[in-house]
Amino acid sequence: MDLGIRGRKAIVNGGSAGMGRSAALSLAREGADVFVSARREDLLVQACREIAEETGARVVPVCADHSSAEGREAILAACPEPDILVGTCAPPAFTPDYRAITDAQWHEAIAISLLSPVEFMRRVLDGMVERKWGRIVNIATVAAKYPAEIRVLSGSTRAALANYTVAVSRVVAPHNVVINNLLPGMHHTLTVEEQFTARAAANGTTYEEEVAKFSAEWQIAAGRFGDADDVGAFVAMFCSEFANYTTGQSLVIDGGATRSTF
């Protein structure tokens, strides 16, 4: 299926690994020019090279911290008029005790997962409106809709982000600019692999056993974690021409871990 975005310019923030990388790969497969930002240069350059080699698309690495003003300037200097904006970031560590969260952790979470995407949207939306075409997708977390103490740092800030994006989506919708959110649950990403490998080492188990235990404890209906590439595919669809009448939505992708009619 041709998604109709060949030649479009896309920024993918936090795209060196995990769901961000999968988003960049899916957009590149559709022929978009992809500008990928991340803080870790070696991982970023390698990811961009691999995606370009696989797809033949133009994939440009931008080593920058998108949560900082300087980083945002560098990213927008590389791609000043994006047609597509995708934002994600590595989630903060699990927070099993809300009382132990520090002020510094709150400030970092707010800067990365709320203020940064809000500022990016503010900077790019006018251009999208003027050109009568734009797509924005925020890869957030299922905890934004279904709060849990272990994800309170991640879920609370991204719940605010979802509120903001839905409000703004109504303003720009008449101009063929659509904004949506993806709310993934547990997926095999670099961060998750690091966290659960550490658990396995501490418990004398394997990564696979820790994933199975977590899936059972949290009643993930699929009985497993998801593949990050599945999220990337939804990003591409939400950025496509077919998404022109789908806006202000927050789609949960969690293997059936949560229960809701709507």
Protein backbone atom coordinates (compact mmCIF):
# COMPACT_ATOMS: atom_id res chain seq x y z
CA MET A 1 0.00 0.00 0.00
CA ASP A 2 1.33 3.43 -0.97
CA LEU A 3 0.74 5.78 1.97
CA GLY A 4 1.21 8.88 -0.17
CA ILE A 5 4.09 10.45 1.73
CA ARG A 6 6.97 9.91 -0.70
CA GLY A 7 9.15 13.01 -0.72
CA ARG A 8 7.68 14.41 2.48
CA LYS A 9 10.16 15.72 5.06
CA ALA A 10 9.94 14.11 8.49
CA ILE A 11 11.56 14.84 11.84
CA VAL A 12 11.77 11.89 14.22
CA ASN A 13 12.99 12.91 17.66
CA GLY A 14 14.46 10.17 19.83
CA GLY A 15 14.88 7.97 16.77
CA SER A 16 18.15 6.13 17.34
CA ALA A 17 16.61 3.05 18.95
CA GLY A 18 13.38 1.36 19.94
CA MET A 19 10.06 2.76 18.75
CA GLY A 20 11.65 5.96 17.46
CA ARG A 21 13.99 3.99 15.22
CA SER A 22 11.08 1.86 14.03
CA ALA A 23 9.13 5.02 13.22
CA ALA A 24 12.04 6.39 11.21
CA LEU A 25 12.39 3.07 9.38
CA SER A 26 8.69 2.91 8.51
CA LEU A 27 8.68 6.47 7.17
CA ALA A 28 11.86 5.84 5.17
CA ARG A 29 10.29 2.75 3.63
CA GLU A 30 7.51 5.01 2.36
CA GLY A 31 10.02 7.30 0.68
CA ALA A 32 10.05 10.17 3.15
CA ASP A 33 13.21 12.17 3.83
CA VAL A 34 13.84 11.49 7.49
CA PHE A 35 15.80 13.68 9.91
CA VAL A 36 16.51 11.66 13.04
CA SER A 37 17.61 13.21 16.31
CA ALA A 38 19.09 11.59 19.39
CA ARG A 39 21.72 12.36 22.02
CA ARG A 40 23.97 9.34 21.60
CA GLU A 41 25.92 9.96 18.40
CA ASP A 42 27.34 6.49 17.76
CA LEU A 43 23.97 4.76 18.08
CA LEU A 44 22.27 7.49 16.02
CA VAL A 45 24.73 7.39 13.13
CA GLN A 46 24.61 3.60 13.00
CA ALA A 47 20.79 3.56 13.00
CA CYS A 48 20.57 6.15 10.23
CA ARG A 49 23.13 4.33 8.11
CA GLU A 50 21.28 1.03 8.48
CA ILE A 51 17.91 2.57 7.66
CA ALA A 52 19.31 4.36 4.59
CA GLU A 53 20.98 1.18 3.34
CA GLU A 54 17.79 -0.84 3.78
CA THR A 55 15.38 1.65 2.24
CA GLY A 56 17.41 3.83 -0.12
CA ALA A 57 15.84 6.89 1.48
CA ARG A 58 17.56 10.05 2.63
CA VAL A 59 18.14 9.64 6.37
CA VAL A 60 19.96 12.47 8.14
CA PRO A 61 21.33 12.10 11.70
CA VAL A 62 21.10 15.17 13.96
CA CYS A 63 22.95 14.64 17.22
CA ALA A 64 21.04 16.87 19.65
CA ASP A 65 19.07 16.85 22.88
CA HIS A 66 15.51 17.69 21.82
CA SER A 67 14.58 18.61 25.39
CA SER A 68 16.91 21.63 25.27
CA ALA A 69 16.45 24.92 23.42
CA GLU A 70 19.84 24.45 21.75
CA GLY A 71 18.93 20.96 20.64
CA ARG A 72 15.63 22.08 19.17
CA GLU A 73 17.37 24.83 17.22
CA ALA A 74 19.84 22.33 15.76
CA ILE A 75 17.07 19.94 14.72
CA LEU A 76 14.94 22.64 13.12
CA ALA A 77 17.98 24.10 11.38
CA ALA A 78 18.48 20.71 9.72
CA CYS A 79 14.81 20.48 8.72
CA PRO A 80 13.14 23.90 9.05
CA GLU A 81 9.88 23.03 7.26
CA PRO A 82 8.89 19.48 8.19
CA ASP A 83 5.72 17.94 6.83
CA ILE A 84 5.82 15.27 9.53
CA LEU A 85 6.85 15.45 13.18
CA VAL A 86 7.23 12.32 15.30
CA GLY A 87 8.29 12.59 18.91
CA THR A 88 9.37 10.03 21.46
CA CYS A 89 12.03 9.53 24.11
CA ALA A 90 13.39 6.82 26.34
CA PRO A 91 10.99 6.40 29.26
CA PRO A 92 12.13 7.20 32.77
CA ALA A 93 12.93 4.39 35.14
CA PHE A 94 10.13 2.52 36.89
CA THR A 95 8.90 4.32 40.01
CA PRO A 96 7.70 1.66 42.48
CA ASP A 97 7.38 4.28 45.25
CA TYR A 98 5.91 7.66 44.28
CA ARG A 99 7.38 9.19 47.46
CA ALA A 100 10.91 8.50 46.28
CA ILE A 101 10.63 10.61 43.11
CA THR A 102 12.95 13.60 43.33
CA ASP A 103 12.44 17.14 42.11
CA ALA A 104 15.21 16.61 39.57
CA GLN A 105 13.42 13.57 38.15
CA TRP A 106 10.19 15.55 37.81
CA HIS A 107 11.94 18.44 36.06
CA GLU A 108 13.71 16.09 33.64
CA ALA A 109 10.51 14.19 32.81
CA ILE A 110 8.57 17.39 32.22
CA ALA A 111 11.31 18.86 30.00
CA ILE A 112 11.68 15.74 27.85
CA SER A 113 8.17 14.37 27.51
CA LEU A 114 5.98 17.48 27.78
CA LEU A 115 7.73 20.79 27.16
CA SER A 116 9.87 19.53 24.27
CA PRO A 117 7.03 18.14 22.11
CA VAL A 118 4.84 21.14 22.93
CA GLU A 119 7.58 23.53 21.80
CA PHE A 120 8.22 21.54 18.63
CA MET A 121 4.54 21.65 17.74
CA ARG A 122 4.44 25.38 18.37
CA ARG A 123 7.40 25.88 16.04
CA VAL A 124 6.20 23.74 13.12
CA LEU A 125 2.41 24.00 13.08
CA ASP A 126 2.14 27.42 11.44
CA GLY A 127 4.15 26.19 8.46
CA MET A 128 2.04 23.05 8.16
CA VAL A 129 -1.14 25.13 8.27
CA GLU A 130 0.20 27.48 5.60
CA ARG A 131 1.13 24.55 3.32
CA LYS A 132 -2.23 22.85 4.01
CA TRP A 133 -0.61 19.54 4.96
CA GLY A 134 0.92 18.21 8.14
CA ARG A 135 1.11 15.16 10.37
CA ILE A 136 2.21 14.99 14.00
CA VAL A 137 2.44 11.77 16.00
CA ASN A 138 3.57 11.59 19.61
CA ILE A 139 4.68 8.17 20.83
CA ALA A 140 3.71 8.42 24.48
CA THR A 141 2.70 5.63 26.88
CA VAL A 142 -0.34 3.62 27.82
CA ALA A 143 0.15 4.98 31.36
CA ALA A 144 -1.12 8.34 30.10
CA LYS A 145 -4.59 6.77 29.90
CA TYR A 146 -4.27 4.02 32.50
CA PRO A 147 -2.19 5.36 35.42
CA ALA A 148 0.11 3.08 37.38
CA GLU A 149 2.51 3.97 40.18
CA ILE A 150 5.48 2.37 38.41
CA ARG A 151 4.91 4.68 35.44
CA VAL A 152 3.79 7.84 37.23
CA LEU A 153 6.73 9.92 35.98
CA SER A 154 6.04 8.92 32.39
CA GLY A 155 2.26 8.72 32.46
CA SER A 156 1.47 12.00 34.15
CA THR A 157 3.52 14.20 31.81
CA ARG A 158 2.26 12.43 28.72
CA ALA A 159 -1.34 12.64 29.91
CA ALA A 160 -0.81 16.40 29.89
CA LEU A 161 0.71 16.10 26.41
CA ALA A 162 -2.32 14.14 25.15
CA ASN A 163 -4.64 16.79 26.57
CA TYR A 164 -2.67 19.53 24.81
CA THR A 165 -2.47 17.74 21.47
CA VAL A 166 -6.18 16.94 21.34
CA ALA A 167 -7.03 20.58 22.07
CA VAL A 168 -4.65 21.90 19.41
CA SER A 169 -5.70 19.26 16.87
CA ARG A 170 -9.14 20.82 16.66
CA VAL A 171 -7.66 24.19 15.76
CA VAL A 172 -5.50 22.95 12.88
CA ALA A 173 -7.79 20.21 11.51
CA PRO A 174 -9.49 22.52 8.94
CA HIS A 175 -6.07 22.98 7.30
CA ASN A 176 -5.39 19.25 6.67
CA VAL A 177 -3.04 19.11 9.64
CA VAL A 178 -3.70 16.15 11.90
CA ILE A 179 -2.25 15.34 15.32
CA ASN A 180 -2.52 11.98 17.04
CA ASN A 181 -0.91 10.05 19.87
CA LEU A 182 0.18 6.45 20.21
CA LEU A 183 0.06 4.96 23.70
CA PRO A 184 2.24 1.82 23.70
CA GLY A 185 2.54 -0.64 26.51
CA MET A 186 5.48 -2.96 27.00
CA HIS A 187 7.60 -3.51 23.88
CA HIS A 188 11.04 -4.95 23.25
CA THR A 189 13.17 -1.81 23.08
CA LEU A 190 16.73 -1.01 24.11
CA THR A 191 15.54 0.53 27.38
CA VAL A 192 13.29 -2.43 28.22
CA GLU A 193 16.04 -4.89 27.37
CA GLU A 194 18.45 -3.08 29.67
CA GLN A 195 15.90 -2.96 32.52
CA PHE A 196 14.84 -6.59 32.28
CA THR A 197 18.34 -7.89 31.72
CA ALA A 198 19.30 -6.18 34.97
CA ARG A 199 16.31 -7.79 36.69
CA ALA A 200 17.34 -11.18 35.39
CA ALA A 201 20.89 -10.73 36.66
CA ALA A 202 19.62 -9.72 40.09
CA ASN A 203 17.14 -12.63 40.29
CA GLY A 204 19.28 -15.34 38.72
CA THR A 205 16.81 -15.76 35.85
CA THR A 206 16.79 -14.98 32.12
CA TYR A 207 15.46 -12.00 30.22
CA GLU A 208 12.72 -14.20 28.74
CA GLU A 209 11.66 -15.42 32.19
CA GLU A 210 11.43 -11.88 33.53
CA VAL A 211 9.33 -10.80 30.54
CA ALA A 212 7.00 -13.78 31.05
CA LYS A 213 6.68 -13.01 34.76
CA PHE A 214 5.88 -9.35 34.13
CA SER A 215 3.37 -10.26 31.42
CA ALA A 216 1.57 -12.58 33.84
CA GLU A 217 1.62 -10.12 36.74
CA TRP A 218 0.22 -7.30 34.60
CA GLN A 219 -2.21 -9.61 32.81
CA ILE A 220 -1.05 -8.78 29.30
CA ALA A 221 -3.56 -10.75 27.25
CA ALA A 222 -1.07 -11.49 24.47
CA GLY A 223 1.23 -13.06 27.07
CA ARG A 224 4.30 -11.25 25.75
CA PHE A 225 5.82 -7.86 24.99
CA GLY A 226 5.28 -6.21 21.64
CA ASP A 227 7.70 -5.61 18.77
CA ALA A 228 8.77 -2.00 18.38
CA ASP A 229 8.32 -2.28 14.60
CA ASP A 230 4.58 -2.72 15.14
CA VAL A 231 4.46 0.77 16.66
CA GLY A 232 6.51 2.14 13.77
CA ALA A 233 3.95 0.81 11.31
CA PHE A 234 1.16 2.68 13.08
CA VAL A 235 3.27 5.85 13.02
CA ALA A 236 3.54 5.60 9.24
CA MET A 237 -0.20 5.04 8.88
CA PHE A 238 -1.01 8.03 11.10
CA CYS A 239 1.36 10.12 8.94
CA SER A 240 -0.22 8.97 5.69
CA GLU A 241 -2.76 10.51 3.35
CA PHE A 242 -5.28 8.03 4.77
CA ALA A 243 -5.13 9.76 8.16
CA ASN A 244 -6.67 12.99 6.85
CA TYR A 245 -9.91 12.38 8.81
CA THR A 246 -8.38 10.86 11.94
CA THR A 247 -7.24 13.50 14.40
CA GLY A 248 -7.07 14.11 18.12
CA GLN A 249 -6.93 10.39 18.87
CA SER A 250 -4.82 8.41 21.35
CA LEU A 251 -4.42 4.79 20.25
CA VAL A 252 -3.45 2.19 22.86
CA ILE A 253 -1.07 -0.57 21.68
CA ASP A 254 -0.53 -2.81 24.68
CA GLY A 255 -1.33 -6.42 23.79
CA GLY A 256 -4.62 -6.30 25.68
CA ALA A 257 -3.14 -5.38 29.05
CA THR A 258 -5.79 -2.73 29.70
CA ARG A 259 -9.55 -3.05 29.57
CA SER A 260 -11.80 -0.40 28.12
CA THR A 261 -14.77 -0.38 25.79
CA PHE A 262 -13.64 2.91 24.24
